[in-house]
Amino acid sequence: MQDRWILPPGEDLNAGAIAWNEICGSECIARLLFRKRFGSTAEVQTFLRPRLSSLSDPFLLRQMRAAVTRILCAMDSHERIVLFGDYDVDGVTSLALLAEMLRGYGATPELFLPLRMEEGYGLSHESVERCLEQYRPQLLIAIDCGTASASEIAELKNRGVDVIVLDHHEPKSQLPDCVAIVNPKADSASPFHYLCSVGIVFKLCHALLKTRPLPDFDLKSKLDLVALGTVADIVPLVEENRVLVQRGAIEIGRTCRVGLKKLMQVAGVRPPILPDDIGYRLGPRLNAAGRLSTAEKSLRLLLTNDEDQAAALAIELDQQNRARQEVEKEILAAAIVTIEKQFDAARDAAIVAGARGWHPGVLGIVASRIARRYHRPSIVIGFDEKSVGKGSGRSIEGLNLVEALTRCAATLEKFGGHEMAAGLVLHEENFSKFAEAFCSTARELLSEEALQRSLRLDHELPFTNIDIEFLRWHELLQPFGSGNPQPLFFARAVEPVGAPRVSNEKHLIFRLRQGDRHRRAIFFDGAANEFPPPPWDVAFRIGVDEYGGETLVGMRIEALRAAEKA
């Protein structure tokens, strides 16, 4: 079924208080900014030129002062501090950042990561017991986990361990009773719901430095970690996240972190660093270790000062990422075979797939690919030899996964996550009941419009309007990602000049013509497509293309169709 192409109606740029012609000479850019609903010219300028000086007081986060007070007390008393993390990029970068901060004060925190396969996510009974046996903490700081661990934290408290939670996951009905829970989602009035855990840890570090300054500690240089975790966790790149990622990308480009330098080399990443470099090249390699085994290697890579160790770890993570891709391909192919036998687009508002032996470490990626392929909320579950299933879900716009799973809670052992991504555990005997309940819930919560795949275009952009000056304005809208998607442009009545050139057996490189203007364009994975006879309407994105020492406007085709009348 072909996507609906939706072009927004033209806005009246003179309707508000902002004089757009004084800000920007491009009507297209002005309209893109207009839709962000800024209240003043100053807000527009802040968006276009993010500055660290605009970051707010970290103590605006609820319970931040209690967390800072307890950490300083623990360091002054030389208590045993354990940083208890998570195995994804957000969790590992958070752990590395707070470890470097506390070591800057002379503390020697122990770092603990749960074993994904054996212990599962977060403060599970198994991981807590291993942590207690290994380190006997007096203060445990749970990072990127803990919000839904009321019973586990109660047990820690009974055993004389104080707990601080630094997290961004959705809370359930009962919050843990502990020293502090610094989680914007646990405070409905908080303006910081967009922060992920590494952003919250950065705020904690800022609060610690405000309370007890360390003249030789350069927190700004640690923004490389913040950008990695924020982009990889796909949280909205809005408000302060925009500042943290924009400045953090600069820090990645000039990082002194030897492990990150080596990882950039094996991943083929060079400055300037864009969110796509993090999301598609660096992030997957850092995630690979935690997906297939333990995230310990990723953590060591970020913290090591040893060149040889860094080089070896970077190569190992690259190899693990390739192994992860192979496992993912096998499971995705098997899942599609099952889905194609049962899925009915007119009937089914969601997809649930599961089988014995599917590796739980890659199910989130598989669920994401299925959700994109079928445009349905998707849950993928792998069952072990004991009939225990661990699953991951990815949603589409219009369905909050945590809300949907809450309605299905009677069929689940546990679950948690965010609006668009979640994890769950269930017994195999409940698989059919859960699948039925989840699909029924999705049908109730999703409108017919939400279930229809669409291509939302941002603006018509004739080839005559594409030049270096337009690209300069376009790049001021960076960083692109969740909450600030890269603009999708539209050109009418475009024709190919000759047959496209095939690259790597799957990509197509076109020479396109619109009127008397020609443009080179690439269509990734386009070789598998069948195209209608030209002329075409083309949906595309643009970006910086460095070629032969010259900066050009690159064009990436996202979709094309037979040209329609204006």
Protein backbone atom coordinates (compact mmCIF):
# COMPACT_ATOMS: atom_id res chain seq x y z
CA MET A 1 0.00 0.00 0.00
CA GLN A 2 1.44 3.37 -1.06
CA ASP A 3 1.96 6.06 1.59
CA ARG A 4 -0.24 9.12 1.59
CA TRP A 5 1.88 12.19 0.87
CA ILE A 6 0.78 15.02 3.12
CA LEU A 7 1.96 18.57 2.49
CA PRO A 8 1.02 21.06 5.25
CA PRO A 9 -1.09 24.08 4.36
CA GLY A 10 0.71 27.39 4.00
CA GLU A 11 0.80 29.48 7.19
CA ASP A 12 0.39 33.24 7.42
CA LEU A 13 3.87 34.29 8.51
CA ASN A 14 2.59 37.78 9.34
CA ALA A 15 -0.01 36.52 11.82
CA GLY A 16 2.24 36.58 14.93
CA ALA A 17 4.57 38.92 16.75
CA ILE A 18 7.75 37.58 15.13
CA ALA A 19 9.10 39.42 12.06
CA TRP A 20 10.29 36.37 10.14
CA ASN A 21 11.70 38.35 7.22
CA GLU A 22 14.12 40.02 9.66
CA ILE A 23 15.31 36.65 11.02
CA CYS A 24 15.67 34.66 7.83
CA GLY A 25 15.64 35.38 4.12
CA SER A 26 14.26 31.94 3.22
CA GLU A 27 10.50 31.50 3.30
CA CYS A 28 10.97 27.74 3.58
CA ILE A 29 13.19 28.00 6.69
CA ALA A 30 10.88 30.64 8.17
CA ARG A 31 7.91 28.26 7.84
CA LEU A 32 9.84 25.40 9.43
CA LEU A 33 10.65 27.66 12.38
CA PHE A 34 7.09 29.07 12.50
CA ARG A 35 5.70 25.58 13.10
CA LYS A 36 7.77 25.24 16.27
CA ARG A 37 5.48 27.84 17.85
CA PHE A 38 8.09 30.16 19.33
CA GLY A 39 6.74 32.97 21.49
CA SER A 40 9.34 35.60 20.67
CA THR A 41 12.29 36.49 18.46
CA ALA A 42 14.57 35.75 21.43
CA GLU A 43 13.27 32.16 21.59
CA VAL A 44 14.00 31.70 17.88
CA GLN A 45 17.55 32.99 18.30
CA THR A 46 18.08 30.69 21.30
CA PHE A 47 16.97 27.75 19.17
CA LEU A 48 19.21 28.68 16.25
CA ARG A 49 22.25 29.32 18.45
CA PRO A 50 22.22 26.91 21.45
CA ARG A 51 24.44 28.02 24.33
CA LEU A 52 25.52 26.23 27.50
CA SER A 53 24.86 29.45 29.42
CA SER A 54 21.14 28.89 28.78
CA LEU A 55 21.08 25.68 30.86
CA SER A 56 18.87 25.97 33.91
CA ASP A 57 19.71 25.52 37.59
CA PRO A 58 20.14 21.76 38.20
CA PHE A 59 18.41 22.11 41.57
CA LEU A 60 15.14 22.68 39.73
CA LEU A 61 15.04 18.89 39.41
CA ARG A 62 13.02 17.51 42.29
CA GLN A 63 15.04 15.81 45.07
CA MET A 64 18.35 16.89 43.52
CA ARG A 65 19.48 18.61 46.72
CA ALA A 66 18.85 15.48 48.79
CA ALA A 67 20.89 13.44 46.29
CA VAL A 68 23.80 15.91 46.35
CA THR A 69 23.82 16.13 50.15
CA ARG A 70 23.90 12.35 50.56
CA ILE A 71 26.65 11.86 47.96
CA LEU A 72 28.89 14.52 49.51
CA CYS A 73 28.31 12.97 52.95
CA ALA A 74 29.24 9.52 51.63
CA MET A 75 32.43 10.84 50.06
CA ASP A 76 33.41 12.77 53.21
CA SER A 77 32.83 9.66 55.34
CA HIS A 78 34.69 7.39 52.88
CA GLU A 79 31.64 5.15 52.55
CA ARG A 80 31.53 2.33 50.02
CA ILE A 81 29.69 3.79 47.01
CA VAL A 82 28.43 1.62 44.16
CA LEU A 83 27.18 3.03 40.85
CA PHE A 84 24.63 0.50 39.57
CA GLY A 85 24.00 0.99 35.85
CA ASP A 86 22.24 -0.39 32.81
CA TYR A 87 23.72 -2.11 29.77
CA ASP A 88 22.58 0.27 27.00
CA VAL A 89 24.44 3.37 25.78
CA ASP A 90 22.48 5.70 28.06
CA GLY A 91 23.27 3.51 31.06
CA VAL A 92 26.96 3.03 30.22
CA THR A 93 27.63 6.71 29.45
CA SER A 94 25.80 7.71 32.65
CA LEU A 95 27.96 5.34 34.67
CA ALA A 96 31.17 6.62 33.06
CA LEU A 97 30.23 10.28 33.60
CA LEU A 98 29.33 9.93 37.28
CA ALA A 99 32.39 7.75 37.91
CA GLU A 100 34.66 10.44 36.47
CA MET A 101 32.89 13.12 38.51
CA LEU A 102 33.23 11.27 41.83
CA ARG A 103 36.83 10.30 41.08
CA GLY A 104 37.49 13.98 40.51
CA TYR A 105 36.57 14.49 44.18
CA GLY A 106 38.96 11.71 45.19
CA ALA A 107 36.25 9.08 45.74
CA THR A 108 36.66 5.50 44.50
CA PRO A 109 33.18 4.30 43.51
CA GLU A 110 32.69 0.73 42.37
CA LEU A 111 30.91 0.30 39.02
CA PHE A 112 28.34 -2.44 38.57
CA LEU A 113 26.53 -3.58 35.44
CA PRO A 114 23.87 -6.33 35.48
CA LEU A 115 24.31 -9.35 33.23
CA ARG A 116 21.60 -9.04 30.60
CA MET A 117 21.07 -12.74 29.92
CA GLU A 118 21.40 -14.10 33.45
CA GLU A 119 19.99 -11.24 35.56
CA GLY A 120 17.84 -9.11 33.29
CA TYR A 121 17.27 -5.36 33.41
CA GLY A 122 17.82 -3.11 36.39
CA LEU A 123 17.65 -3.92 40.08
CA SER A 124 16.60 -7.54 39.72
CA HIS A 125 16.89 -9.85 42.73
CA GLU A 126 19.80 -11.69 41.10
CA SER A 127 21.80 -8.59 40.21
CA VAL A 128 21.23 -6.97 43.61
CA GLU A 129 22.45 -10.10 45.42
CA ARG A 130 25.59 -10.25 43.28
CA CYS A 131 26.23 -6.55 43.85
CA LEU A 132 25.86 -6.89 47.63
CA GLU A 133 28.12 -9.91 47.76
CA GLN A 134 30.76 -8.32 45.56
CA TYR A 135 30.92 -4.77 46.96
CA ARG A 136 28.90 -4.49 50.23
CA PRO A 137 27.75 -0.93 49.38
CA GLN A 138 26.67 1.63 51.96
CA LEU A 139 25.33 3.93 49.26
CA LEU A 140 24.01 2.50 46.00
CA ILE A 141 23.24 4.93 43.16
CA ALA A 142 20.90 3.29 40.64
CA ILE A 143 21.38 4.87 37.22
CA ASP A 144 18.94 4.42 34.30
CA CYS A 145 16.92 2.04 36.44
CA GLY A 146 15.24 1.84 39.85
CA THR A 147 12.01 3.81 39.38
CA ALA A 148 9.94 0.60 39.17
CA SER A 149 12.00 -1.30 41.78
CA ALA A 150 10.11 -0.51 44.98
CA SER A 151 10.40 -4.00 46.51
CA GLU A 152 14.10 -4.42 45.63
CA ILE A 153 14.96 -1.02 47.10
CA ALA A 154 12.93 -1.80 50.22
CA GLU A 155 15.05 -4.94 50.65
CA LEU A 156 18.25 -2.91 50.20
CA LYS A 157 17.04 -0.47 52.85
CA ASN A 158 16.32 -3.35 55.25
CA ARG A 159 19.91 -4.49 54.75
CA GLY A 160 21.33 -1.09 55.63
CA VAL A 161 21.98 0.25 52.13
CA ASP A 162 20.93 3.79 51.22
CA VAL A 163 19.71 4.19 47.63
CA ILE A 164 19.58 7.14 45.23
CA VAL A 165 17.73 6.67 41.92
CA LEU A 166 18.76 8.65 38.81
CA ASP A 167 16.35 7.54 36.10
CA HIS A 168 14.00 8.63 33.32
CA HIS A 169 11.73 5.60 32.95
CA GLU A 170 7.98 5.89 33.41
CA PRO A 171 6.94 5.37 37.06
CA LYS A 172 4.32 2.86 38.08
CA SER A 173 1.82 3.37 40.88
CA GLN A 174 4.29 2.99 43.77
CA LEU A 175 7.58 4.87 43.91
CA PRO A 176 10.47 3.41 45.91
CA ASP A 177 11.13 4.68 49.43
CA CYS A 178 14.75 5.89 49.23
CA VAL A 179 17.04 8.85 49.83
CA ALA A 180 16.13 10.54 46.52
CA ILE A 181 14.50 9.76 43.19
CA VAL A 182 15.76 12.22 40.60
CA ASN A 183 13.43 11.35 37.75
CA PRO A 184 11.54 14.11 35.90
CA LYS A 185 8.82 11.62 34.95
CA ALA A 186 8.06 11.08 38.65
CA ASP A 187 7.17 14.77 38.89
CA SER A 188 4.23 15.79 36.70
CA ALA A 189 5.16 19.46 37.09
CA SER A 190 8.75 18.99 35.91
CA PRO A 191 9.71 20.72 32.65
CA PHE A 192 12.54 18.20 32.11
CA HIS A 193 10.57 15.13 30.94
CA TYR A 194 12.73 14.98 27.81
CA LEU A 195 15.98 14.22 29.67
CA CYS A 196 17.42 10.71 29.55
CA SER A 197 19.57 9.30 32.35
CA VAL A 198 22.89 10.71 31.14
CA GLY A 199 21.26 14.15 30.97
CA ILE A 200 20.10 13.73 34.56
CA VAL A 201 23.58 12.61 35.62
CA PHE A 202 25.03 15.69 33.89
CA LYS A 203 22.61 17.81 35.94
CA LEU A 204 23.75 16.00 39.10
CA CYS A 205 27.40 16.70 38.23
CA HIS A 206 26.51 20.36 37.66
CA ALA A 207 24.74 20.45 41.04
CA LEU A 208 27.72 18.84 42.79
CA LEU A 209 30.09 21.38 41.25
CA LYS A 210 27.84 24.26 42.24
CA THR A 211 27.81 22.98 45.81
CA ARG A 212 31.50 22.03 46.00
CA PRO A 213 33.53 23.48 43.09
CA LEU A 214 36.42 21.56 41.54
CA PRO A 215 38.50 24.13 39.62
CA ASP A 216 40.39 21.51 37.60
CA PHE A 217 37.33 19.47 36.56
CA ASP A 218 36.08 20.41 33.06
CA LEU A 219 32.46 19.29 32.95
CA LYS A 220 32.02 20.73 29.46
CA SER A 221 34.54 18.23 28.08
CA LYS A 222 32.33 15.40 29.38
CA LEU A 223 29.51 16.41 27.05
CA ASP A 224 30.82 13.80 24.59
CA LEU A 225 29.28 11.17 26.90
CA VAL A 226 26.05 13.15 27.22
CA ALA A 227 25.60 13.44 23.45
CA LEU A 228 26.29 9.72 22.94
CA GLY A 229 23.70 8.61 25.52
CA THR A 230 21.07 11.20 24.58
CA VAL A 231 21.05 10.46 20.85
CA ALA A 232 21.34 6.68 21.30
CA ASP A 233 18.36 6.63 23.68
CA ILE A 234 16.20 8.42 21.08
CA VAL A 235 14.81 11.00 23.52
CA PRO A 236 13.49 14.29 22.10
CA LEU A 237 16.22 16.71 21.00
CA VAL A 238 14.36 19.70 22.38
CA GLU A 239 15.03 22.39 24.98
CA GLU A 240 18.19 21.59 26.96
CA ASN A 241 18.74 18.27 25.17
CA ARG A 242 19.30 20.33 22.03
CA VAL A 243 22.05 22.30 23.76
CA LEU A 244 23.65 19.19 25.29
CA VAL A 245 23.75 17.29 21.99
CA GLN A 246 24.87 20.23 19.86
CA ARG A 247 27.76 21.03 22.18
CA GLY A 248 28.40 17.36 22.93
CA ALA A 249 28.82 16.59 19.23
CA ILE A 250 31.56 19.22 19.10
CA GLU A 251 33.23 17.56 22.10
CA ILE A 252 33.09 14.15 20.40
CA GLY A 253 34.87 15.67 17.41
CA ARG A 254 37.76 16.87 19.59
CA THR A 255 37.57 14.30 22.38
CA CYS A 256 40.64 13.33 24.38
CA ARG A 257 38.95 10.03 25.25
CA VAL A 258 41.24 7.47 23.61
CA GLY A 259 38.59 4.76 23.48
CA LEU A 260 36.11 7.00 21.70
CA LYS A 261 38.81 8.03 19.22
CA LYS A 262 39.53 4.39 18.40
CA LEU A 263 35.82 3.62 18.07
CA MET A 264 35.41 6.53 15.66
CA GLN A 265 38.26 5.13 13.57
CA VAL A 266 36.75 1.64 13.23
CA ALA A 267 33.30 3.15 12.57
CA GLY A 268 34.58 5.57 9.93
CA VAL A 269 33.32 8.65 11.77
CA ARG A 270 35.00 12.03 11.31
CA PRO A 271 34.10 15.57 12.42
CA PRO A 272 31.78 17.34 12.11
CA ILE A 273 29.78 14.84 14.18
CA LEU A 274 26.07 14.57 13.40
CA PRO A 275 23.35 12.70 15.33
CA ASP A 276 23.28 10.10 12.53
CA ASP A 277 26.96 9.33 13.26
CA ILE A 278 25.99 8.57 16.86
CA GLY A 279 22.70 6.83 16.13
CA TYR A 280 23.89 4.61 13.28
CA ARG A 281 27.65 4.17 13.78
CA LEU A 282 28.90 4.82 17.30
CA GLY A 283 25.77 3.94 19.30
CA PRO A 284 25.21 0.47 17.79
CA ARG A 285 28.82 -0.50 18.45
CA LEU A 286 28.61 0.64 22.08
CA ASN A 287 25.29 -1.18 22.42
CA ALA A 288 26.51 -4.40 20.82
CA ALA A 289 28.40 -5.68 23.87
CA GLY A 290 25.39 -5.29 26.17
CA ARG A 291 23.05 -6.87 23.64
CA LEU A 292 24.97 -10.11 23.16
CA SER A 293 26.87 -10.47 26.45
CA THR A 294 27.97 -7.83 28.96
CA ALA A 295 28.35 -4.06 28.54
CA GLU A 296 31.59 -4.13 30.54
CA LYS A 297 33.70 -3.69 27.41
CA SER A 298 31.81 -0.58 26.34
CA LEU A 299 32.28 0.93 29.78
CA ARG A 300 36.00 0.11 29.78
CA LEU A 301 36.36 1.63 26.31
CA LEU A 302 34.91 4.94 27.51
CA LEU A 303 37.05 5.07 30.66
CA THR A 304 40.43 3.68 29.58
CA ASN A 305 43.55 5.79 29.10
CA ASP A 306 45.49 2.92 27.53
CA GLU A 307 45.88 3.25 23.73
CA ASP A 308 46.45 -0.46 23.11
CA GLN A 309 43.53 -1.52 25.27
CA ALA A 310 41.30 1.08 23.59
CA ALA A 311 42.25 -0.16 20.12
CA ALA A 312 41.58 -3.80 21.06
CA LEU A 313 38.23 -2.95 22.67
CA ALA A 314 37.11 -0.87 19.67
CA ILE A 315 37.88 -3.75 17.29
CA GLU A 316 36.08 -6.20 19.57
CA LEU A 317 32.97 -3.99 19.77
CA ASP A 318 32.98 -3.63 15.99
CA GLN A 319 33.12 -7.42 15.62
CA GLN A 320 30.34 -7.88 18.17
CA ASN A 321 28.23 -5.37 16.26
CA ARG A 322 28.65 -7.42 13.09
CA ALA A 323 27.67 -10.57 15.00
CA ARG A 324 24.66 -8.72 16.40
CA GLN A 325 23.59 -7.75 12.88
CA GLU A 326 23.68 -11.39 11.78
CA VAL A 327 21.60 -12.56 14.76
CA GLU A 328 19.17 -9.73 14.15
CA LYS A 329 18.79 -10.61 10.45
CA GLU A 330 18.00 -14.25 11.26
CA ILE A 331 15.35 -13.37 13.85
CA LEU A 332 13.82 -10.65 11.66
CA ALA A 333 13.51 -13.07 8.72
CA ALA A 334 11.89 -15.72 10.93
CA ALA A 335 9.51 -13.18 12.46
CA ILE A 336 8.43 -11.88 9.05
CA VAL A 337 7.63 -15.41 7.87
CA THR A 338 5.34 -15.86 10.89
CA ILE A 339 3.76 -12.42 10.57
CA GLU A 340 3.05 -12.76 6.85
CA LYS A 341 1.00 -15.89 7.53
CA GLN A 342 -1.25 -14.14 10.04
CA PHE A 343 -1.18 -10.36 9.60
CA ASP A 344 -4.22 -8.62 8.14
CA ALA A 345 -3.72 -4.85 7.76
CA ALA A 346 -7.46 -4.20 7.76
CA ARG A 347 -7.97 -6.16 10.98
CA ASP A 348 -4.81 -5.96 13.07
CA ALA A 349 -3.86 -2.79 14.96
CA ALA A 350 -0.71 -4.34 16.45
CA ILE A 351 1.75 -7.18 15.96
CA VAL A 352 3.01 -9.68 18.53
CA ALA A 353 5.58 -12.29 17.46
CA GLY A 354 7.52 -14.78 19.55
CA ALA A 355 9.49 -18.01 19.39
CA ARG A 356 11.87 -20.21 21.34
CA GLY A 357 15.53 -19.28 21.17
CA TRP A 358 15.24 -15.72 19.88
CA HIS A 359 18.10 -13.77 21.48
CA PRO A 360 16.62 -11.15 23.86
CA GLY A 361 19.52 -8.77 23.21
CA VAL A 362 18.39 -7.89 19.67
CA LEU A 363 14.61 -8.03 20.02
CA GLY A 364 14.26 -4.26 20.43
CA ILE A 365 15.94 -3.68 17.06
CA VAL A 366 13.81 -6.38 15.44
CA ALA A 367 10.64 -4.87 16.93
CA SER A 368 11.68 -1.46 15.58
CA ARG A 369 12.16 -2.84 12.07
CA ILE A 370 8.82 -4.65 12.17
CA ALA A 371 7.03 -1.54 13.44
CA ARG A 372 8.47 0.47 10.53
CA ARG A 373 7.75 -2.23 7.95
CA TYR A 374 4.09 -2.75 8.89
CA HIS A 375 3.37 0.60 10.60
CA ARG A 376 2.01 -1.13 13.69
CA PRO A 377 3.05 -1.21 17.37
CA SER A 378 5.15 -4.37 17.58
CA ILE A 379 6.19 -6.69 20.41
CA VAL A 380 8.82 -9.38 19.79
CA ILE A 381 9.43 -12.07 22.44
CA GLY A 382 12.08 -14.74 22.82
CA PHE A 383 11.38 -17.73 25.10
CA ASP A 384 14.09 -19.71 26.89
CA GLU A 385 14.19 -23.41 27.80
CA LYS A 386 12.23 -22.67 30.99
CA SER A 387 9.37 -21.11 28.98
CA VAL A 388 10.20 -17.63 30.28
CA GLY A 389 9.83 -14.97 27.62
CA LYS A 390 11.69 -11.67 27.47
CA GLY A 391 10.37 -9.19 24.95
CA SER A 392 10.82 -5.71 23.57
CA GLY A 393 8.26 -3.42 22.02
CA ARG A 394 8.33 -0.40 19.72
CA SER A 395 5.37 1.81 19.01
CA ILE A 396 4.03 4.19 16.39
CA GLU A 397 2.72 7.69 16.91
CA GLY A 398 -0.56 7.60 18.84
CA LEU A 399 0.08 4.66 21.19
CA ASN A 400 1.84 4.94 24.55
CA LEU A 401 3.39 1.52 25.07
CA VAL A 402 3.52 1.75 28.87
CA GLU A 403 -0.16 2.67 28.97
CA ALA A 404 -1.02 -0.21 26.63
CA LEU A 405 1.04 -2.73 28.60
CA THR A 406 -0.53 -1.55 31.85
CA ARG A 407 -3.90 -2.63 30.44
CA CYS A 408 -2.38 -6.06 29.70
CA ALA A 409 -0.61 -6.37 33.06
CA ALA A 410 -2.59 -9.45 34.16
CA THR A 411 -0.83 -11.52 31.48
CA LEU A 412 2.69 -10.22 32.28
CA GLU A 413 5.25 -10.92 34.99
CA LYS A 414 6.74 -7.43 34.69
CA PHE A 415 7.15 -4.60 32.22
CA GLY A 416 8.46 -1.05 31.95
CA GLY A 417 9.84 1.56 29.61
CA HIS A 418 8.77 4.65 27.72
CA GLU A 419 5.98 5.84 25.47
CA MET A 420 7.66 4.50 22.31
CA ALA A 421 9.85 1.65 23.65
CA ALA A 422 9.31 -0.92 26.40
CA GLY A 423 10.43 -4.27 27.72
CA LEU A 424 8.46 -7.10 29.30
CA VAL A 425 8.65 -10.59 30.81
CA LEU A 426 5.92 -13.25 30.56
CA HIS A 427 5.44 -17.01 30.71
CA GLU A 428 4.97 -18.86 27.45
CA GLU A 429 1.58 -20.18 28.55
CA ASN A 430 0.31 -16.58 28.61
CA PHE A 431 1.61 -15.67 25.16
CA SER A 432 -1.70 -16.05 23.31
CA LYS A 433 -3.66 -14.21 26.01
CA PHE A 434 -1.16 -11.36 25.98
CA ALA A 435 -1.12 -11.13 22.17
CA GLU A 436 -4.91 -10.96 22.09
CA ALA A 437 -5.04 -8.38 24.90
CA PHE A 438 -2.34 -6.18 23.38
CA CYS A 439 -3.85 -6.20 19.89
CA SER A 440 -7.28 -5.43 21.35
CA THR A 441 -5.85 -2.56 23.40
CA ALA A 442 -4.08 -1.13 20.35
CA ARG A 443 -7.34 -1.28 18.40
CA GLU A 444 -9.04 0.75 21.15
CA LEU A 445 -6.28 3.35 21.47
CA LEU A 446 -5.31 3.91 17.84
CA SER A 447 -7.48 5.79 15.35
CA GLU A 448 -7.85 4.65 11.74
CA GLU A 449 -5.85 7.69 10.66
CA ALA A 450 -2.98 6.71 12.98
CA LEU A 451 -2.93 3.23 11.43
CA GLN A 452 -2.62 4.57 7.90
CA ARG A 453 0.98 5.00 6.77
CA SER A 454 1.72 8.51 5.61
CA LEU A 455 4.67 10.54 4.39
CA ARG A 456 4.55 13.93 6.06
CA LEU A 457 6.32 16.46 3.90
CA ASP A 458 7.57 19.72 5.35
CA HIS A 459 7.83 22.03 2.36
CA GLU A 460 7.96 22.09 -1.42
CA LEU A 461 11.52 22.90 -2.45
CA PRO A 462 12.24 23.46 -6.15
CA PHE A 463 15.78 22.74 -7.33
CA THR A 464 16.21 26.47 -8.07
CA ASN A 465 16.02 27.20 -4.31
CA ILE A 466 18.70 24.71 -3.27
CA ASP A 467 22.08 26.38 -2.79
CA ILE A 468 24.86 26.75 -0.20
CA GLU A 469 23.11 29.65 1.57
CA PHE A 470 19.95 27.56 1.99
CA LEU A 471 22.09 24.68 3.28
CA ARG A 472 23.68 27.03 5.85
CA TRP A 473 20.24 27.91 7.24
CA HIS A 474 19.18 24.26 7.12
CA GLU A 475 22.21 23.27 9.22
CA LEU A 476 21.27 25.84 11.88
CA LEU A 477 18.22 23.63 12.58
CA GLN A 478 20.58 20.80 13.68
CA PRO A 479 20.84 18.59 15.67
CA PHE A 480 18.11 16.51 14.04
CA GLY A 481 16.49 13.56 15.73
CA SER A 482 13.49 12.66 17.85
CA GLY A 483 11.48 15.81 18.60
CA ASN A 484 13.34 17.77 15.91
CA PRO A 485 13.16 15.65 12.76
CA GLN A 486 15.20 16.55 9.72
CA PRO A 487 12.98 18.39 7.22
CA LEU A 488 11.53 16.28 4.43
CA PHE A 489 11.29 18.29 1.21
CA PHE A 490 9.27 17.75 -1.93
CA ALA A 491 10.05 18.47 -5.60
CA ARG A 492 7.54 18.08 -8.44
CA ALA A 493 7.95 16.77 -11.97
CA VAL A 494 11.53 15.55 -11.66
CA GLU A 495 13.12 13.38 -14.35
CA PRO A 496 16.20 11.15 -14.33
CA VAL A 497 19.03 12.00 -16.69
CA GLY A 498 19.94 8.51 -17.84
CA ALA A 499 19.88 5.28 -15.84
CA PRO A 500 20.97 5.40 -12.16
CA ARG A 501 24.32 3.98 -11.10
CA VAL A 502 24.18 1.08 -8.63
CA SER A 503 26.44 1.32 -5.56
CA ASN A 504 27.23 -1.61 -3.22
CA GLU A 505 24.59 -3.67 -5.07
CA LYS A 506 21.75 -1.91 -3.23
CA HIS A 507 22.01 1.90 -3.44
CA LEU A 508 21.14 4.02 -6.48
CA ILE A 509 22.89 7.23 -7.53
CA PHE A 510 20.73 9.41 -9.77
CA ARG A 511 21.30 12.45 -11.89
CA LEU A 512 17.97 14.31 -11.69
CA ARG A 513 16.60 17.23 -13.69
CA GLN A 514 13.85 19.70 -12.81
CA GLY A 515 13.47 22.25 -15.58
CA ASP A 516 16.98 23.43 -16.40
CA ARG A 517 18.44 22.51 -12.97
CA HIS A 518 20.33 19.27 -12.37
CA ARG A 519 21.11 17.56 -9.07
CA ARG A 520 22.97 14.44 -7.99
CA ALA A 521 20.97 12.34 -5.51
CA ILE A 522 21.39 9.03 -3.70
CA PHE A 523 18.58 6.61 -2.89
CA PHE A 524 19.78 4.25 -0.14
CA ASP A 525 18.48 0.69 -0.57
CA GLY A 526 16.68 1.92 -3.67
CA ALA A 527 17.86 -0.90 -5.95
CA ALA A 528 15.14 -3.20 -4.60
CA ASN A 529 12.36 -0.79 -5.63
CA GLU A 530 10.28 -0.67 -8.76
CA PHE A 531 9.72 2.86 -10.06
CA PRO A 532 6.83 4.27 -12.08
CA PRO A 533 7.59 5.88 -15.44
CA PRO A 534 8.93 9.46 -15.06
CA PRO A 535 8.32 12.30 -14.43
CA TRP A 536 8.32 11.80 -10.67
CA ASP A 537 7.48 13.67 -7.52
CA VAL A 538 10.44 13.22 -5.18
CA ALA A 539 10.57 13.37 -1.37
CA PHE A 540 14.11 14.09 -0.20
CA ARG A 541 16.37 15.43 2.51
CA ILE A 542 19.51 17.51 2.12
CA GLY A 543 22.82 17.69 3.96
CA VAL A 544 26.45 18.70 3.74
CA ASP A 545 28.38 16.73 1.13
CA GLU A 546 32.16 17.21 1.21
CA TYR A 547 33.62 16.29 -2.16
CA GLY A 548 37.14 17.03 -3.36
CA GLY A 549 37.65 19.64 -0.67
CA GLU A 550 34.48 21.47 -1.69
CA THR A 551 31.26 21.78 0.33
CA LEU A 552 28.24 20.78 -1.75
CA VAL A 553 24.54 20.26 -1.06
CA GLY A 554 23.93 16.54 -0.80
CA MET A 555 20.48 15.16 -1.69
CA ARG A 556 19.07 11.90 -0.29
CA ILE A 557 15.88 10.49 -1.83
CA GLU A 558 13.40 9.07 0.68
CA ALA A 559 10.52 8.23 -1.70
CA LEU A 560 9.24 8.92 -5.17
CA ARG A 561 5.95 8.51 -7.01
CA ALA A 562 4.49 9.23 -10.43
CA ALA A 563 4.19 13.01 -10.77
CA GLU A 564 0.79 14.41 -9.87
CA LYS A 565 -0.72 17.69 -10.99
CA ALA A 566 -0.19 20.61 -8.61
